[in-house]
Amino acid sequence: MPKIKTNRGAAKRFFKVTATGKIKREKANAGHLFTCKTRDRKRNLRSAGFVSCRDRQNIRKLIPYK
């Protein structure tokens, strides 16, 4: 049986799988245009988020070895 190729775009976006199977990700809208965003919103964007449980199965197929 051949190895499954990792989707490189997904590997860069989802950087860790926890022991319970949750997939960690960075939050969107944290790249630029910070002058119009509030201090609380910018602080919230710094912390990592998790992928929703509906999308988890599809993403696990894209990153099988992480």
N, C-alpha and C. Protein backbone atom coordinates (compact mmCIF):
# COMPACT_ATOMS: atom_id res chain seq x y z
N MET A 1 0.85 -1.19 0.00
CA MET A 1 0.00 0.00 0.00
C MET A 1 0.90 1.25 0.00
N PRO A 2 0.73 2.16 -0.95
CA PRO A 2 1.58 3.35 -0.98
C PRO A 2 1.19 4.35 0.11
N LYS A 3 2.15 5.20 0.42
CA LYS A 3 1.89 6.25 1.41
C LYS A 3 0.95 7.28 0.83
N ILE A 4 0.22 7.97 1.72
CA ILE A 4 -0.69 9.04 1.31
C ILE A 4 0.09 10.35 1.33
N LYS A 5 -0.05 11.14 0.29
CA LYS A 5 0.62 12.44 0.26
C LYS A 5 -0.13 13.44 1.14
N THR A 6 0.64 14.23 1.88
CA THR A 6 0.08 15.30 2.69
C THR A 6 -0.22 16.49 1.80
N ASN A 7 -1.38 17.09 1.97
CA ASN A 7 -1.72 18.31 1.25
C ASN A 7 -0.92 19.44 1.88
N ARG A 8 0.02 20.02 1.14
CA ARG A 8 0.94 20.99 1.70
C ARG A 8 0.25 22.28 2.14
N GLY A 9 -0.79 22.70 1.42
CA GLY A 9 -1.53 23.89 1.83
C GLY A 9 -2.22 23.70 3.17
N ALA A 10 -2.77 22.52 3.38
CA ALA A 10 -3.44 22.21 4.65
C ALA A 10 -2.42 22.08 5.77
N ALA A 11 -1.25 21.51 5.47
CA ALA A 11 -0.22 21.34 6.49
C ALA A 11 0.28 22.67 7.02
N LYS A 12 0.29 23.69 6.17
CA LYS A 12 0.73 25.02 6.60
C LYS A 12 -0.35 25.74 7.41
N ARG A 13 -1.61 25.44 7.16
CA ARG A 13 -2.70 26.13 7.84
C ARG A 13 -3.06 25.51 9.18
N PHE A 14 -2.98 24.19 9.27
CA PHE A 14 -3.35 23.49 10.49
C PHE A 14 -2.07 22.90 11.08
N PHE A 15 -1.61 23.47 12.20
CA PHE A 15 -0.24 23.17 12.62
C PHE A 15 -0.12 22.13 13.71
N LYS A 16 -1.20 21.66 14.31
CA LYS A 16 -1.05 20.66 15.36
C LYS A 16 -2.35 19.91 15.56
N VAL A 17 -2.22 18.62 15.87
CA VAL A 17 -3.38 17.81 16.26
C VAL A 17 -3.18 17.45 17.72
N THR A 18 -4.16 17.75 18.56
CA THR A 18 -4.03 17.49 19.99
C THR A 18 -4.24 16.02 20.28
N ALA A 19 -4.00 15.62 21.52
CA ALA A 19 -4.14 14.22 21.92
C ALA A 19 -5.60 13.75 21.82
N THR A 20 -6.53 14.67 21.99
CA THR A 20 -7.95 14.30 21.90
C THR A 20 -8.47 14.35 20.46
N GLY A 21 -7.62 14.76 19.50
CA GLY A 21 -8.03 14.75 18.10
C GLY A 21 -8.47 16.09 17.55
N LYS A 22 -8.42 17.14 18.38
CA LYS A 22 -8.77 18.47 17.88
C LYS A 22 -7.62 19.00 17.02
N ILE A 23 -7.96 19.83 16.03
CA ILE A 23 -6.96 20.37 15.13
C ILE A 23 -6.83 21.87 15.39
N LYS A 24 -5.60 22.31 15.74
CA LYS A 24 -5.35 23.72 16.04
C LYS A 24 -5.11 24.48 14.74
N ARG A 25 -5.54 25.73 14.73
CA ARG A 25 -5.38 26.58 13.55
C ARG A 25 -5.20 28.02 14.01
N GLU A 26 -4.66 28.84 13.12
CA GLU A 26 -4.58 30.28 13.38
C GLU A 26 -5.91 30.92 13.00
N LYS A 27 -6.21 32.05 13.62
CA LYS A 27 -7.45 32.75 13.30
C LYS A 27 -7.28 33.64 12.08
N ALA A 28 -8.35 33.85 11.36
CA ALA A 28 -8.33 34.67 10.16
C ALA A 28 -8.35 36.16 10.53
N ASN A 29 -8.07 37.01 9.56
CA ASN A 29 -8.12 38.48 9.69
C ASN A 29 -7.05 39.04 10.62
N ALA A 30 -5.91 38.36 10.74
CA ALA A 30 -4.85 38.85 11.60
C ALA A 30 -3.61 39.21 10.80
N GLY A 31 -3.77 39.55 9.53
CA GLY A 31 -2.62 39.83 8.68
C GLY A 31 -2.28 41.29 8.56
N HIS A 32 -3.29 42.13 8.40
CA HIS A 32 -3.04 43.56 8.18
C HIS A 32 -4.32 44.34 8.48
N LEU A 33 -4.29 45.65 8.25
CA LEU A 33 -5.42 46.57 8.53
C LEU A 33 -5.82 46.54 10.01
N PHE A 34 -4.84 46.76 10.87
CA PHE A 34 -5.10 46.70 12.30
C PHE A 34 -5.63 48.02 12.88
N THR A 35 -5.56 49.10 12.13
CA THR A 35 -5.97 50.39 12.70
C THR A 35 -7.47 50.45 12.96
N CYS A 36 -8.24 49.73 12.16
CA CYS A 36 -9.70 49.77 12.33
C CYS A 36 -10.21 48.70 13.30
N LYS A 37 -9.33 47.83 13.78
CA LYS A 37 -9.74 46.77 14.69
C LYS A 37 -9.49 47.21 16.13
N THR A 38 -10.38 46.80 17.02
CA THR A 38 -10.25 47.21 18.42
C THR A 38 -9.13 46.42 19.10
N ARG A 39 -8.70 46.93 20.23
CA ARG A 39 -7.63 46.30 21.00
C ARG A 39 -8.03 44.89 21.42
N ASP A 40 -9.29 44.73 21.87
CA ASP A 40 -9.76 43.41 22.30
C ASP A 40 -9.79 42.42 21.14
N ARG A 41 -10.21 42.89 19.99
CA ARG A 41 -10.29 42.01 18.81
C ARG A 41 -8.90 41.55 18.38
N LYS A 42 -7.93 42.47 18.40
CA LYS A 42 -6.56 42.12 18.01
C LYS A 42 -5.95 41.13 19.00
N ARG A 43 -6.22 41.30 20.29
CA ARG A 43 -5.72 40.39 21.31
C ARG A 43 -6.34 39.01 21.14
N ASN A 44 -7.61 38.96 20.80
CA ASN A 44 -8.31 37.69 20.59
C ASN A 44 -7.77 36.95 19.36
N LEU A 45 -7.34 37.69 18.34
CA LEU A 45 -6.81 37.07 17.14
C LEU A 45 -5.45 36.41 17.36
N ARG A 46 -4.73 36.82 18.41
CA ARG A 46 -3.42 36.25 18.68
C ARG A 46 -3.49 34.79 19.11
N SER A 47 -4.54 34.44 19.85
CA SER A 47 -4.65 33.07 20.35
C SER A 47 -5.10 32.14 19.24
N ALA A 48 -4.74 30.88 19.36
CA ALA A 48 -5.09 29.88 18.35
C ALA A 48 -6.55 29.46 18.50
N GLY A 49 -7.12 28.99 17.40
CA GLY A 49 -8.47 28.47 17.42
C GLY A 49 -8.45 26.99 17.09
N PHE A 50 -9.64 26.38 17.09
CA PHE A 50 -9.76 24.98 16.74
C PHE A 50 -10.71 24.82 15.57
N VAL A 51 -10.47 23.80 14.78
CA VAL A 51 -11.34 23.49 13.64
C VAL A 51 -12.65 22.93 14.18
N SER A 52 -13.77 23.26 13.55
CA SER A 52 -15.06 22.74 13.99
C SER A 52 -15.12 21.23 13.79
N CYS A 53 -15.93 20.58 14.59
CA CYS A 53 -15.98 19.11 14.55
C CYS A 53 -16.53 18.61 13.22
N ARG A 54 -17.31 19.40 12.50
CA ARG A 54 -17.84 19.01 11.19
C ARG A 54 -16.73 18.90 10.14
N ASP A 55 -15.74 19.79 10.23
CA ASP A 55 -14.66 19.82 9.24
C ASP A 55 -13.49 18.90 9.61
N ARG A 56 -13.49 18.39 10.83
CA ARG A 56 -12.33 17.65 11.33
C ARG A 56 -12.00 16.42 10.49
N GLN A 57 -13.01 15.65 10.09
CA GLN A 57 -12.77 14.41 9.34
C GLN A 57 -12.13 14.71 7.98
N ASN A 58 -12.60 15.73 7.29
CA ASN A 58 -12.05 16.08 5.98
C ASN A 58 -10.60 16.54 6.09
N ILE A 59 -10.29 17.32 7.12
CA ILE A 59 -8.94 17.84 7.28
C ILE A 59 -7.97 16.73 7.69
N ARG A 60 -8.43 15.75 8.47
CA ARG A 60 -7.58 14.62 8.84
C ARG A 60 -7.13 13.83 7.61
N LYS A 61 -7.97 13.80 6.57
CA LYS A 61 -7.58 13.12 5.32
C LYS A 61 -6.49 13.90 4.59
N LEU A 62 -6.50 15.24 4.73
CA LEU A 62 -5.50 16.07 4.07
C LEU A 62 -4.15 16.04 4.78
N ILE A 63 -4.18 15.88 6.11
CA ILE A 63 -2.92 15.85 6.88
C ILE A 63 -2.87 14.53 7.67
N PRO A 64 -2.62 13.40 7.01
CA PRO A 64 -2.70 12.12 7.70
C PRO A 64 -1.59 11.84 8.70
N TYR A 65 -0.43 12.48 8.57
CA TYR A 65 0.72 12.13 9.41
C TYR A 65 1.05 13.19 10.45
N LYS A 66 0.20 14.19 10.65
CA LYS A 66 0.48 15.23 11.65
C LYS A 66 -0.06 14.83 12.99
